[in-house]
């Protein structure tokens, strides 16, 4: 092959794939910019909602009530230094971020990532229900325990405190088992 034909053939062999790659990048660029914008806006909304929800829960004084009934102790046993309002706010933030990641992966055409995030997103309501069951069980358990202890103490039954604590912990354990079942963990119990 003569040298004057060899150089154009090499140039064409190198430039054609590079040009094709550049064209694909230009076609992909709007989707990438859209995904980045969605991620930024989603992050801002998620952080804002986290703060708003946590602040509303603090304003209605949920934390002191739950801490008085032992929620802070429960968090300390789990080695988590959080207030309940901050925990619920964080759940909301990560749920919104999950939706944001799902939208961004869908725009980018990442089908497997989208399917994975979709499965996680379908699980999120179970987490909210489990948290609600735990909070409600905690409140009811404390209320029933106090009521049993007070009622039996009023009629001067010596084991009033023990029976009140037993009633409270029975409800706590029942609520924990319901929450675990809702999450799909230990459903045989």
C-alpha atoms as a PDB file:
ATOM      1  CA  UNK A   1       0.000   0.000   0.000  1.00  0.00           C
ATOM      2  CA  UNK A   2       1.463   3.380  -0.945  1.00  0.00           C
ATOM      3  CA  UNK A   3       2.185   5.912   1.798  1.00  0.00           C
ATOM      4  CA  UNK A   4      -0.267   8.482   0.398  1.00  0.00           C
ATOM      5  CA  UNK A   5      -3.141   5.969   0.820  1.00  0.00           C
ATOM      6  CA  UNK A   6      -1.914   4.631   4.172  1.00  0.00           C
ATOM      7  CA  UNK A   7      -2.094   7.909   6.141  1.00  0.00           C
ATOM      8  CA  UNK A   8      -5.678   8.811   5.113  1.00  0.00           C
ATOM      9  CA  UNK A   9      -6.807   5.262   5.934  1.00  0.00           C
ATOM     10  CA  UNK A  10      -5.185   5.445   9.405  1.00  0.00           C
ATOM     11  CA  UNK A  11      -6.632   8.922   9.966  1.00  0.00           C
ATOM     12  CA  UNK A  12     -10.081   7.718   8.969  1.00  0.00           C
ATOM     13  CA  UNK A  13      -9.782   4.620  11.174  1.00  0.00           C
ATOM     14  CA  UNK A  14      -8.905   6.775  14.196  1.00  0.00           C
ATOM     15  CA  UNK A  15     -11.148   9.781  13.556  1.00  0.00           C
ATOM     16  CA  UNK A  16     -14.348   7.923  12.679  1.00  0.00           C
ATOM     17  CA  UNK A  17     -14.695   6.184  16.090  1.00  0.00           C
ATOM     18  CA  UNK A  18     -13.711   9.400  17.884  1.00  0.00           C
ATOM     19  CA  UNK A  19     -16.315  11.345  15.940  1.00  0.00           C
ATOM     20  CA  UNK A  20     -18.923   8.665  16.691  1.00  0.00           C
ATOM     21  CA  UNK A  21     -17.991   8.817  20.390  1.00  0.00           C
ATOM     22  CA  UNK A  22     -18.291  12.620  20.364  1.00  0.00           C
ATOM     23  CA  UNK A  23     -21.715  12.416  18.682  1.00  0.00           C
ATOM     24  CA  UNK A  24     -22.918   9.921  21.311  1.00  0.00           C
ATOM     25  CA  UNK A  25     -21.636  12.197  24.074  1.00  0.00           C
ATOM     26  CA  UNK A  26     -23.499  15.159  22.551  1.00  0.00           C
ATOM     27  CA  UNK A  27     -26.689  13.076  22.460  1.00  0.00           C
ATOM     28  CA  UNK A  28     -26.133  11.980  26.082  1.00  0.00           C
ATOM     29  CA  UNK A  29     -25.254  15.468  27.376  1.00  0.00           C
ATOM     30  CA  UNK A  30     -28.846  16.787  27.761  1.00  0.00           C
ATOM     31  CA  UNK A  31     -29.815  13.709  29.787  1.00  0.00           C
ATOM     32  CA  UNK A  32     -26.720  14.142  31.974  1.00  0.00           C
ATOM     33  CA  UNK A  33     -27.455  17.825  32.583  1.00  0.00           C
ATOM     34  CA  UNK A  34     -31.105  16.985  33.346  1.00  0.00           C
ATOM     35  CA  UNK A  35     -30.069  14.292  35.828  1.00  0.00           C
ATOM     36  CA  UNK A  36     -27.635  16.668  37.558  1.00  0.00           C
ATOM     37  CA  UNK A  37     -30.341  19.349  37.829  1.00  0.00           C
ATOM     38  CA  UNK A  38     -32.795  16.791  39.263  1.00  0.00           C
ATOM     39  CA  UNK A  39     -30.184  15.643  41.798  1.00  0.00           C
ATOM     40  CA  UNK A  40     -29.450  19.195  42.932  1.00  0.00           C
ATOM     41  CA  UNK A  41     -33.121  20.207  43.195  1.00  0.00           C
ATOM     42  CA  UNK A  42     -33.994  16.903  44.880  1.00  0.00           C
ATOM     43  CA  UNK A  43     -31.200  17.349  47.414  1.00  0.00           C
ATOM     44  CA  UNK A  44     -32.378  20.880  48.249  1.00  0.00           C
ATOM     45  CA  UNK A  45     -35.989  19.714  48.648  1.00  0.00           C
ATOM     46  CA  UNK A  46     -34.944  16.702  50.757  1.00  0.00           C
ATOM     47  CA  UNK A  47     -32.834  18.754  53.149  1.00  0.00           C
ATOM     48  CA  UNK A  48     -35.546  21.407  53.387  1.00  0.00           C
ATOM     49  CA  UNK A  49     -38.242  18.836  54.140  1.00  0.00           C
ATOM     50  CA  UNK A  50     -36.027  17.180  56.739  1.00  0.00           C
ATOM     51  CA  UNK A  51     -35.591  20.465  58.570  1.00  0.00           C
ATOM     52  CA  UNK A  52     -39.274  21.434  58.278  1.00  0.00           C
ATOM     53  CA  UNK A  53     -40.559  18.068  59.536  1.00  0.00           C
ATOM     54  CA  UNK A  54     -38.055  17.949  62.394  1.00  0.00           C
ATOM     55  CA  UNK A  55     -38.912  21.528  63.369  1.00  0.00           C
ATOM     56  CA  UNK A  56     -42.677  20.859  63.281  1.00  0.00           C
ATOM     57  CA  UNK A  57     -42.236  17.768  65.459  1.00  0.00           C
ATOM     58  CA  UNK A  58     -40.092  19.761  67.875  1.00  0.00           C
ATOM     59  CA  UNK A  59     -42.685  22.553  67.961  1.00  0.00           C
ATOM     60  CA  UNK A  60     -45.434  20.125  68.937  1.00  0.00           C
ATOM     61  CA  UNK A  61     -43.033  18.894  71.650  1.00  0.00           C
ATOM     62  CA  UNK A  62     -42.967  15.257  70.539  1.00  0.00           C
ATOM     63  CA  UNK A  63     -39.395  14.685  71.738  1.00  0.00           C
ATOM     64  CA  UNK A  64     -39.903  15.600  75.409  1.00  0.00           C
ATOM     65  CA  UNK A  65     -43.009  13.412  75.609  1.00  0.00           C
ATOM     66  CA  UNK A  66     -41.294  10.418  74.034  1.00  0.00           C
ATOM     67  CA  UNK A  67     -38.082  10.992  76.019  1.00  0.00           C
ATOM     68  CA  UNK A  68     -40.065  11.072  79.251  1.00  0.00           C
ATOM     69  CA  UNK A  69     -41.463   7.677  78.321  1.00  0.00           C
ATOM     70  CA  UNK A  70     -38.045   6.240  77.529  1.00  0.00           C
ATOM     71  CA  UNK A  71     -37.485   6.755  73.783  1.00  0.00           C
ATOM     72  CA  UNK A  72     -34.129   8.455  74.380  1.00  0.00           C
ATOM     73  CA  UNK A  73     -33.072   5.439  76.453  1.00  0.00           C
ATOM     74  CA  UNK A  74     -34.073   3.166  73.587  1.00  0.00           C
ATOM     75  CA  UNK A  75     -31.948   5.206  71.166  1.00  0.00           C
ATOM     76  CA  UNK A  76     -29.026   5.149  73.622  1.00  0.00           C
ATOM     77  CA  UNK A  77     -29.216   1.357  73.844  1.00  0.00           C
ATOM     78  CA  UNK A  78     -29.010   1.311  70.048  1.00  0.00           C
ATOM     79  CA  UNK A  79     -25.992   3.657  70.343  1.00  0.00           C
ATOM     80  CA  UNK A  80     -27.751   6.358  68.334  1.00  0.00           C
ATOM     81  CA  UNK A  81     -27.616   9.932  69.558  1.00  0.00           C
ATOM     82  CA  UNK A  82     -30.790  11.239  67.932  1.00  0.00           C
ATOM     83  CA  UNK A  83     -34.062  12.744  68.917  1.00  0.00           C
ATOM     84  CA  UNK A  84     -37.188  11.147  67.495  1.00  0.00           C
ATOM     85  CA  UNK A  85     -38.018  14.262  65.472  1.00  0.00           C
ATOM     86  CA  UNK A  86     -34.561  14.194  63.865  1.00  0.00           C
ATOM     87  CA  UNK A  87     -34.957  10.486  63.088  1.00  0.00           C
ATOM     88  CA  UNK A  88     -38.326  11.016  61.377  1.00  0.00           C
ATOM     89  CA  UNK A  89     -36.915  14.019  59.495  1.00  0.00           C
ATOM     90  CA  UNK A  90     -33.989  11.893  58.288  1.00  0.00           C
ATOM     91  CA  UNK A  91     -36.396   9.180  57.107  1.00  0.00           C
ATOM     92  CA  UNK A  92     -38.273  11.775  55.072  1.00  0.00           C
ATOM     93  CA  UNK A  93     -35.037  13.201  53.644  1.00  0.00           C
ATOM     94  CA  UNK A  94     -33.744   9.817  52.507  1.00  0.00           C
ATOM     95  CA  UNK A  95     -37.114   8.895  51.025  1.00  0.00           C
ATOM     96  CA  UNK A  96     -37.088  12.057  48.916  1.00  0.00           C
ATOM     97  CA  UNK A  97     -33.457  11.426  47.955  1.00  0.00           C
ATOM     98  CA  UNK A  98     -34.354   7.896  46.915  1.00  0.00           C
ATOM     99  CA  UNK A  99     -37.088   9.252  44.648  1.00  0.00           C
ATOM    100  CA  UNK A 100     -34.579  11.773  43.288  1.00  0.00           C
ATOM    101  CA  UNK A 101     -31.993   9.067  42.554  1.00  0.00           C
ATOM    102  CA  UNK A 102     -34.712   7.000  40.888  1.00  0.00           C
ATOM    103  CA  UNK A 103     -35.681   9.901  38.609  1.00  0.00           C
ATOM    104  CA  UNK A 104     -32.046  10.659  37.735  1.00  0.00           C
ATOM    105  CA  UNK A 105     -31.238   7.029  36.930  1.00  0.00           C
ATOM    106  CA  UNK A 106     -34.375   6.800  34.800  1.00  0.00           C
ATOM    107  CA  UNK A 107     -33.369   9.898  32.816  1.00  0.00           C
ATOM    108  CA  UNK A 108     -29.896   8.463  32.265  1.00  0.00           C
ATOM    109  CA  UNK A 109     -31.408   5.186  31.067  1.00  0.00           C
ATOM    110  CA  UNK A 110     -29.830   3.084  33.806  1.00  0.00           C
ATOM    111  CA  UNK A 111     -32.537   0.422  33.799  1.00  0.00           C
ATOM    112  CA  UNK A 112     -30.977  -1.927  36.353  1.00  0.00           C
ATOM    113  CA  UNK A 113     -30.289   0.889  38.789  1.00  0.00           C
ATOM    114  CA  UNK A 114     -33.845   2.145  38.279  1.00  0.00           C
ATOM    115  CA  UNK A 115     -35.259  -1.323  38.996  1.00  0.00           C
ATOM    116  CA  UNK A 116     -33.121  -1.649  42.138  1.00  0.00           C
ATOM    117  CA  UNK A 117     -34.144   1.786  43.426  1.00  0.00           C
ATOM    118  CA  UNK A 118     -37.762   0.997  42.614  1.00  0.00           C
ATOM    119  CA  UNK A 119     -37.613  -2.084  44.845  1.00  0.00           C
ATOM    120  CA  UNK A 120     -36.140  -0.034  47.660  1.00  0.00           C
ATOM    121  CA  UNK A 121     -38.767   2.670  47.156  1.00  0.00           C
ATOM    122  CA  UNK A 122     -41.543   0.094  47.388  1.00  0.00           C
ATOM    123  CA  UNK A 123     -40.066  -0.992  50.752  1.00  0.00           C
ATOM    124  CA  UNK A 124     -40.003   2.539  52.231  1.00  0.00           C
ATOM    125  CA  UNK A 125     -43.707   2.582  53.235  1.00  0.00           C
ATOM    126  CA  UNK A 126     -43.025  -0.524  55.334  1.00  0.00           C
ATOM    127  CA  UNK A 127     -40.365   1.437  57.215  1.00  0.00           C
ATOM    128  CA  UNK A 128     -42.782   4.301  57.895  1.00  0.00           C
ATOM    129  CA  UNK A 129     -45.477   1.900  59.085  1.00  0.00           C
ATOM    130  CA  UNK A 130     -42.957   0.087  61.311  1.00  0.00           C
ATOM    131  CA  UNK A 131     -41.793   3.382  62.850  1.00  0.00           C
ATOM    132  CA  UNK A 132     -45.425   4.405  63.384  1.00  0.00           C
ATOM    133  CA  UNK A 133     -46.234   1.068  65.037  1.00  0.00           C
ATOM    134  CA  UNK A 134     -43.197   1.404  67.308  1.00  0.00           C
ATOM    135  CA  UNK A 135     -44.089   4.951  68.330  1.00  0.00           C
ATOM    136  CA  UNK A 136     -47.731   4.056  68.897  1.00  0.00           C
ATOM    137  CA  UNK A 137     -46.784   0.899  70.782  1.00  0.00           C
ATOM    138  CA  UNK A 138     -44.379   2.894  72.902  1.00  0.00           C
ATOM    139  CA  UNK A 139     -47.039   5.482  73.751  1.00  0.00           C
ATOM    140  CA  UNK A 140     -49.774   2.916  74.425  1.00  0.00           C
ATOM    141  CA  UNK A 141     -47.417   0.712  76.428  1.00  0.00           C
ATOM    142  CA  UNK A 142     -46.426   3.556  78.658  1.00  0.00           C
ATOM    143  CA  UNK A 143     -50.034   4.689  79.067  1.00  0.00           C
ATOM    144  CA  UNK A 144     -51.272   1.172  79.892  1.00  0.00           C
ATOM    145  CA  UNK A 145     -48.360   0.527  82.253  1.00  0.00           C
ATOM    146  CA  UNK A 146     -49.016   3.756  84.135  1.00  0.00           C
ATOM    147  CA  UNK A 147     -52.763   3.094  84.240  1.00  0.00           C
ATOM    148  CA  UNK A 148     -52.326  -0.471  85.533  1.00  0.00           C
ATOM    149  CA  UNK A 149     -49.794   0.619  88.143  1.00  0.00           C
ATOM    150  CA  UNK A 150     -51.980   3.537  89.269  1.00  0.00           C
ATOM    151  CA  UNK A 151     -55.213   1.562  89.357  1.00  0.00           C
ATOM    152  CA  UNK A 152     -53.758  -1.399  91.208  1.00  0.00           C
ATOM    153  CA  UNK A 153     -51.837   0.912  93.525  1.00  0.00           C
ATOM    154  CA  UNK A 154     -55.076   2.724  94.386  1.00  0.00           C
ATOM    155  CA  UNK A 155     -56.597  -0.536  95.600  1.00  0.00           C
ATOM    156  CA  UNK A 156     -53.368  -1.271  97.488  1.00  0.00           C
ATOM    157  CA  UNK A 157     -52.135  -4.298  95.572  1.00  0.00           C
ATOM    158  CA  UNK A 158     -48.448  -4.787  96.454  1.00  0.00           C
ATOM    159  CA  UNK A 159     -47.336  -5.958  93.007  1.00  0.00           C
ATOM    160  CA  UNK A 160     -48.879  -2.959  91.226  1.00  0.00           C
ATOM    161  CA  UNK A 161     -45.497  -1.735  89.915  1.00  0.00           C
ATOM    162  CA  UNK A 162     -44.535  -5.188  88.672  1.00  0.00           C
ATOM    163  CA  UNK A 163     -47.869  -5.720  86.927  1.00  0.00           C
ATOM    164  CA  UNK A 164     -47.717  -2.232  85.406  1.00  0.00           C
ATOM    165  CA  UNK A 165     -44.195  -2.852  84.101  1.00  0.00           C
ATOM    166  CA  UNK A 166     -45.273  -6.264  82.773  1.00  0.00           C
ATOM    167  CA  UNK A 167     -48.204  -4.739  80.899  1.00  0.00           C
ATOM    168  CA  UNK A 168     -45.977  -1.983  79.501  1.00  0.00           C
ATOM    169  CA  UNK A 169     -43.265  -4.369  78.321  1.00  0.00           C
ATOM    170  CA  UNK A 170     -45.776  -6.818  76.879  1.00  0.00           C
ATOM    171  CA  UNK A 171     -47.120  -4.042  74.662  1.00  0.00           C
ATOM    172  CA  UNK A 172     -43.574  -2.908  73.787  1.00  0.00           C
ATOM    173  CA  UNK A 173     -42.588  -6.418  72.731  1.00  0.00           C
ATOM    174  CA  UNK A 174     -45.810  -6.884  70.791  1.00  0.00           C
ATOM    175  CA  UNK A 175     -45.213  -3.578  68.957  1.00  0.00           C
ATOM    176  CA  UNK A 176     -41.626  -4.589  68.179  1.00  0.00           C
ATOM    177  CA  UNK A 177     -42.801  -7.923  66.769  1.00  0.00           C
ATOM    178  CA  UNK A 178     -45.432  -6.178  64.626  1.00  0.00           C
ATOM    179  CA  UNK A 179     -42.794  -3.736  63.334  1.00  0.00           C
ATOM    180  CA  UNK A 180     -40.381  -6.562  62.537  1.00  0.00           C
ATOM    181  CA  UNK A 181     -43.151  -8.409  60.701  1.00  0.00           C
ATOM    182  CA  UNK A 182     -43.973  -5.243  58.731  1.00  0.00           C
ATOM    183  CA  UNK A 183     -40.330  -4.985  57.701  1.00  0.00           C
ATOM    184  CA  UNK A 184     -40.280  -8.645  56.661  1.00  0.00           C
ATOM    185  CA  UNK A 185     -37.847  -9.519  59.434  1.00  0.00           C
ATOM    186  CA  UNK A 186     -38.602 -12.368  61.815  1.00  0.00           C
ATOM    187  CA  UNK A 187     -42.061 -12.846  60.337  1.00  0.00           C
ATOM    188  CA  UNK A 188     -42.290 -16.318  61.895  1.00  0.00           C
ATOM    189  CA  UNK A 189     -42.676 -14.693  65.324  1.00  0.00           C
END
